[in-house]
Protein backbone atom coordinates (compact mmCIF):
# COMPACT_ATOMS: atom_id res chain seq x y z
CA MET A 1 18.86 53.98 15.37
CA LYS A 2 15.49 53.01 13.93
CA LEU A 3 13.90 55.10 11.19
CA GLY A 4 10.47 54.51 9.73
CA VAL A 5 9.43 55.80 6.32
CA PHE A 6 5.82 56.03 5.21
CA ASP A 7 4.58 56.99 1.79
CA SER A 8 1.18 56.43 0.27
CA GLY A 9 2.88 54.65 -2.63
CA ILE A 10 6.19 53.63 -4.12
CA ASP A 11 8.36 56.65 -3.44
CA GLY A 12 9.04 55.80 0.20
CA GLU A 13 11.58 53.25 -1.03
CA ALA A 14 13.54 55.99 -2.80
CA ILE A 15 13.53 58.13 0.35
CA ALA A 16 14.68 55.13 2.39
CA ALA A 17 17.50 54.46 -0.06
CA ALA A 18 18.70 58.05 0.32
CA LEU A 19 18.57 57.76 4.11
CA ARG A 20 20.62 54.54 4.04
CA LEU A 21 23.44 56.45 2.39
CA VAL A 22 23.41 58.98 5.22
CA PHE A 23 22.82 56.45 8.02
CA PRO A 24 24.38 53.15 6.85
CA THR A 25 24.02 51.45 10.24
CA ALA A 26 20.41 52.49 10.87
CA ILE A 27 17.50 50.07 10.77
CA ILE A 28 15.16 51.62 8.21
CA THR A 29 11.66 50.23 7.74
CA THR A 30 9.29 51.32 5.00
CA VAL A 31 5.52 51.00 4.77
CA ASN A 32 3.11 52.18 2.10
CA ASP A 33 -0.60 52.18 1.37
CA HIS A 34 -0.60 51.17 -2.27
CA GLU A 35 -4.18 49.89 -2.05
CA ASN A 36 -5.48 53.39 -1.33
CA VAL A 37 -3.32 55.49 -3.66
CA PRO A 38 -3.79 58.28 -4.52
CA TYR A 39 -4.25 60.21 -1.28
CA GLY A 40 -4.43 63.58 -3.00
CA SER A 41 -8.05 63.22 -4.09
CA LYS A 42 -9.33 62.00 -0.70
CA THR A 43 -10.98 64.00 2.08
CA PRO A 44 -8.91 65.19 5.06
CA SER A 45 -10.61 62.72 7.41
CA GLU A 46 -9.87 59.85 5.03
CA ILE A 47 -6.23 60.88 4.72
CA ILE A 48 -5.79 61.14 8.49
CA ASN A 49 -7.41 57.76 9.09
CA LEU A 50 -5.51 55.96 6.33
CA THR A 51 -2.17 57.45 7.38
CA ASP A 52 -2.75 56.52 11.02
CA ILE A 53 -3.56 52.93 10.09
CA ALA A 54 -0.61 52.64 7.71
CA ILE A 55 2.03 53.82 10.18
CA GLN A 56 1.05 51.40 12.95
CA PRO A 57 3.93 48.99 12.15
CA LEU A 58 6.34 51.93 12.55
CA ILE A 59 4.72 53.02 15.82
CA ASN A 60 4.91 49.46 17.14
CA ALA A 61 8.55 49.17 16.07
CA ASN A 62 9.44 52.12 18.35
CA CYS A 63 11.11 54.05 15.56
CA ASP A 64 13.23 56.97 16.73
CA VAL A 65 11.78 59.03 13.88
CA ILE A 66 8.93 58.41 11.47
CA ILE A 67 9.29 60.22 8.16
CA LEU A 68 6.05 60.98 6.33
CA ALA A 69 7.49 60.86 2.82
CA CYS A 70 4.15 62.00 1.46
CA ASN A 71 3.37 65.67 1.02
CA THR A 72 -0.37 65.03 1.24
CA ALA A 73 -0.13 63.08 4.49
CA THR A 74 2.19 65.72 5.93
CA ALA A 75 -0.08 68.57 4.92
CA VAL A 76 -3.27 67.00 6.24
CA ALA A 77 -2.37 64.49 8.96
CA ILE A 78 0.92 65.27 10.69
CA GLU A 79 -0.45 67.63 13.35
CA THR A 80 -3.14 65.11 14.29
CA LEU A 81 -0.55 62.35 14.51
CA ARG A 82 1.76 64.46 16.66
CA ALA A 83 -1.11 65.13 19.04
CA LYS A 84 -2.14 61.47 19.16
CA TYR A 85 1.44 60.19 19.60
CA PRO A 86 3.18 62.91 21.65
CA ASN A 87 6.22 60.74 22.40
CA GLN A 88 6.85 59.90 18.76
CA LYS A 89 9.08 62.13 16.61
CA PHE A 90 7.74 62.84 13.13
CA ILE A 91 9.31 64.52 10.12
CA GLY A 92 7.11 65.62 7.26
CA ILE A 93 7.79 66.68 3.71
CA GLU A 94 6.29 69.92 2.46
CA PRO A 95 6.41 71.91 -0.79
CA MET A 96 9.54 74.07 -0.79
CA ILE A 97 7.81 77.45 -1.02
CA LYS A 98 10.45 79.21 1.08
CA THR A 99 13.34 77.91 -1.01
CA ALA A 100 11.52 78.70 -4.26
CA ALA A 101 10.83 82.25 -3.05
CA GLU A 102 14.53 82.70 -2.34
CA LEU A 103 15.56 81.33 -5.74
CA THR A 104 13.09 82.97 -8.11
CA LYS A 105 14.20 85.96 -10.14
CA SER A 106 10.99 86.30 -12.15
CA HIS A 107 8.88 86.36 -8.95
CA THR A 108 6.85 83.53 -10.44
CA ILE A 109 7.02 79.90 -9.28
CA ALA A 110 5.03 76.77 -10.01
CA VAL A 111 3.96 74.26 -7.37
CA CYS A 112 3.13 70.79 -8.68
CA ALA A 113 1.15 69.09 -5.91
CA THR A 114 -1.98 67.07 -5.18
CA PRO A 115 -5.36 68.76 -4.70
CA ALA A 116 -5.36 67.80 -1.00
CA THR A 117 -1.95 69.39 -0.44
CA LEU A 118 -2.94 72.60 -2.21
CA ALA A 119 -6.18 72.79 -0.19
CA SER A 120 -4.51 72.15 3.18
CA ASP A 121 -4.02 74.66 5.99
CA ARG A 122 -0.30 73.85 6.13
CA TYR A 123 0.15 74.78 2.49
CA SER A 124 -1.82 78.00 3.01
CA LYS A 125 0.51 78.89 5.87
CA LEU A 126 3.58 78.25 3.72
CA VAL A 127 2.20 80.56 1.05
CA LYS A 128 1.29 83.21 3.63
CA ASN A 129 4.68 83.06 5.33
CA PHE A 130 6.95 82.85 2.30
CA GLY A 131 4.94 83.71 -0.80
CA ASP A 132 4.52 87.45 -0.34
CA GLY A 133 5.07 89.27 -3.62
CA ILE A 134 5.36 86.05 -5.60
CA SER A 135 2.98 84.71 -8.21
CA ILE A 136 2.34 81.01 -7.56
CA ILE A 137 1.07 78.85 -10.40
CA GLU A 138 -0.67 75.66 -9.26
CA PRO A 139 -1.14 73.46 -12.35
CA ASP A 140 -3.57 70.55 -12.36
CA CYS A 141 -1.49 67.52 -11.38
CA SER A 142 -4.38 65.57 -9.91
CA ASP A 143 -3.73 62.48 -12.06
CA TRP A 144 0.05 62.38 -11.75
CA ALA A 145 0.44 60.25 -8.61
CA GLN A 146 -1.96 57.61 -9.90
CA MET A 147 -0.31 57.33 -13.30
CA ILE A 148 3.17 57.15 -11.75
CA GLU A 149 2.08 54.54 -9.21
CA ASN A 150 0.62 52.42 -12.01
CA ASN A 151 3.52 53.05 -14.39
CA GLN A 152 1.16 54.62 -16.93
CA ILE A 153 2.90 57.95 -17.38
CA ASN A 154 1.30 60.35 -19.84
CA HIS A 155 4.38 62.12 -21.14
CA GLN A 156 2.34 64.37 -23.41
CA LEU A 157 0.32 65.66 -20.45
CA ILE A 158 3.43 66.31 -18.37
CA ASP A 159 5.12 68.03 -21.29
CA LYS A 160 2.12 70.34 -21.79
CA THR A 161 1.84 71.15 -18.07
CA ILE A 162 5.51 71.99 -17.60
CA ASN A 163 5.80 73.98 -20.81
CA ASP A 164 2.72 75.97 -19.82
CA VAL A 165 4.13 77.06 -16.43
CA CYS A 166 7.45 77.96 -18.05
CA ASP A 167 5.65 79.98 -20.71
CA ARG A 168 3.83 81.82 -17.90
CA GLY A 169 7.16 82.91 -16.44
CA ALA A 170 7.86 80.36 -13.69
CA ASP A 171 11.61 80.07 -13.16
CA VAL A 172 11.33 77.66 -10.20
CA ILE A 173 9.21 74.50 -10.27
CA VAL A 174 8.46 72.90 -6.91
CA LEU A 175 7.72 69.18 -6.92
CA GLY A 176 5.26 68.97 -4.04
CA CYS A 177 4.59 65.23 -4.13
CA THR A 178 7.25 62.57 -3.66
CA HIS A 179 5.71 60.51 -6.46
CA TYR A 180 6.83 63.22 -8.85
CA ASN A 181 10.48 62.51 -8.03
CA TRP A 182 10.20 59.52 -10.37
CA ILE A 183 9.67 61.92 -13.29
CA LYS A 184 12.04 64.64 -12.09
CA ASP A 185 14.61 63.89 -14.80
CA SER A 186 11.92 64.08 -17.47
CA ILE A 187 10.71 67.41 -16.10
CA ILE A 188 14.25 68.78 -16.08
CA LYS A 189 14.59 67.82 -19.76
CA ILE A 190 11.29 69.53 -20.61
CA VAL A 191 12.34 72.65 -18.71
CA ASP A 192 15.58 72.76 -20.71
CA GLY A 193 17.21 75.39 -18.52
CA ARG A 194 14.21 77.70 -18.28
CA ALA A 195 13.59 76.95 -14.60
CA GLN A 196 15.07 75.21 -11.59
CA VAL A 197 13.30 72.04 -10.42
CA ILE A 198 13.43 71.49 -6.66
CA GLU A 199 12.21 68.86 -4.17
CA PRO A 200 13.15 68.23 -0.52
CA SER A 201 14.35 64.61 -0.42
CA SER A 202 18.05 65.51 -0.16
CA ALA A 203 17.38 67.54 3.01
CA ILE A 204 15.67 64.77 4.98
CA GLY A 205 18.91 63.32 6.37
CA ASN A 206 19.89 66.70 7.80
CA ARG A 207 16.46 67.07 9.39
CA VAL A 208 16.82 63.67 11.05
CA LYS A 209 20.22 64.69 12.42
CA GLN A 210 18.80 67.94 13.78
CA LEU A 211 15.80 66.25 15.39
CA LEU A 212 17.91 63.57 17.07
CA GLN A 213 20.71 66.05 17.84
CA LEU A 214 23.28 64.01 15.97
CA SER A 215 26.62 65.52 14.96
């Protein structure tokens, strides 16, 4: 089995590592687009074009599944890619609005994501389908991917952002960008039990199994 993992930056390697634990005999190839990070501040046409170019090694390798380990690329580009490559299986990563809606007791959640993800049609559909009756806080995380990619993390900014959403009643915090997984432990410490912090990386292996109809 061949799996391809694309992320705009460094987090694709973490997703690939998790997949290797689930599929130890699989050939897993990763590609990124570090030169053009961050994607979240780019236009939809730019994101589609950059993602298409970046995944060409995975297309040419005839991967059984290509995982877009980038919420922004999933939100903006995956439907275009599926139409352009109808014989290629894709899995995307999206903010876990449905899961957060099921978990929240305060009926208030926070979604930490890039501007492009929050502005996308796919995100709007997630909110429409699963966010009824829930207050969704969307803090400004526009600089987070860049600072994580460059290892210049502003802990004071993150602390202020997370404390603010907790103070506003959010009891579930959705990490809607795979870059943010690198600071998940820090966010959990800031939260200090006031909210659950969720992200979808642990579910990717199951989605691959379902798509390829593996037992």
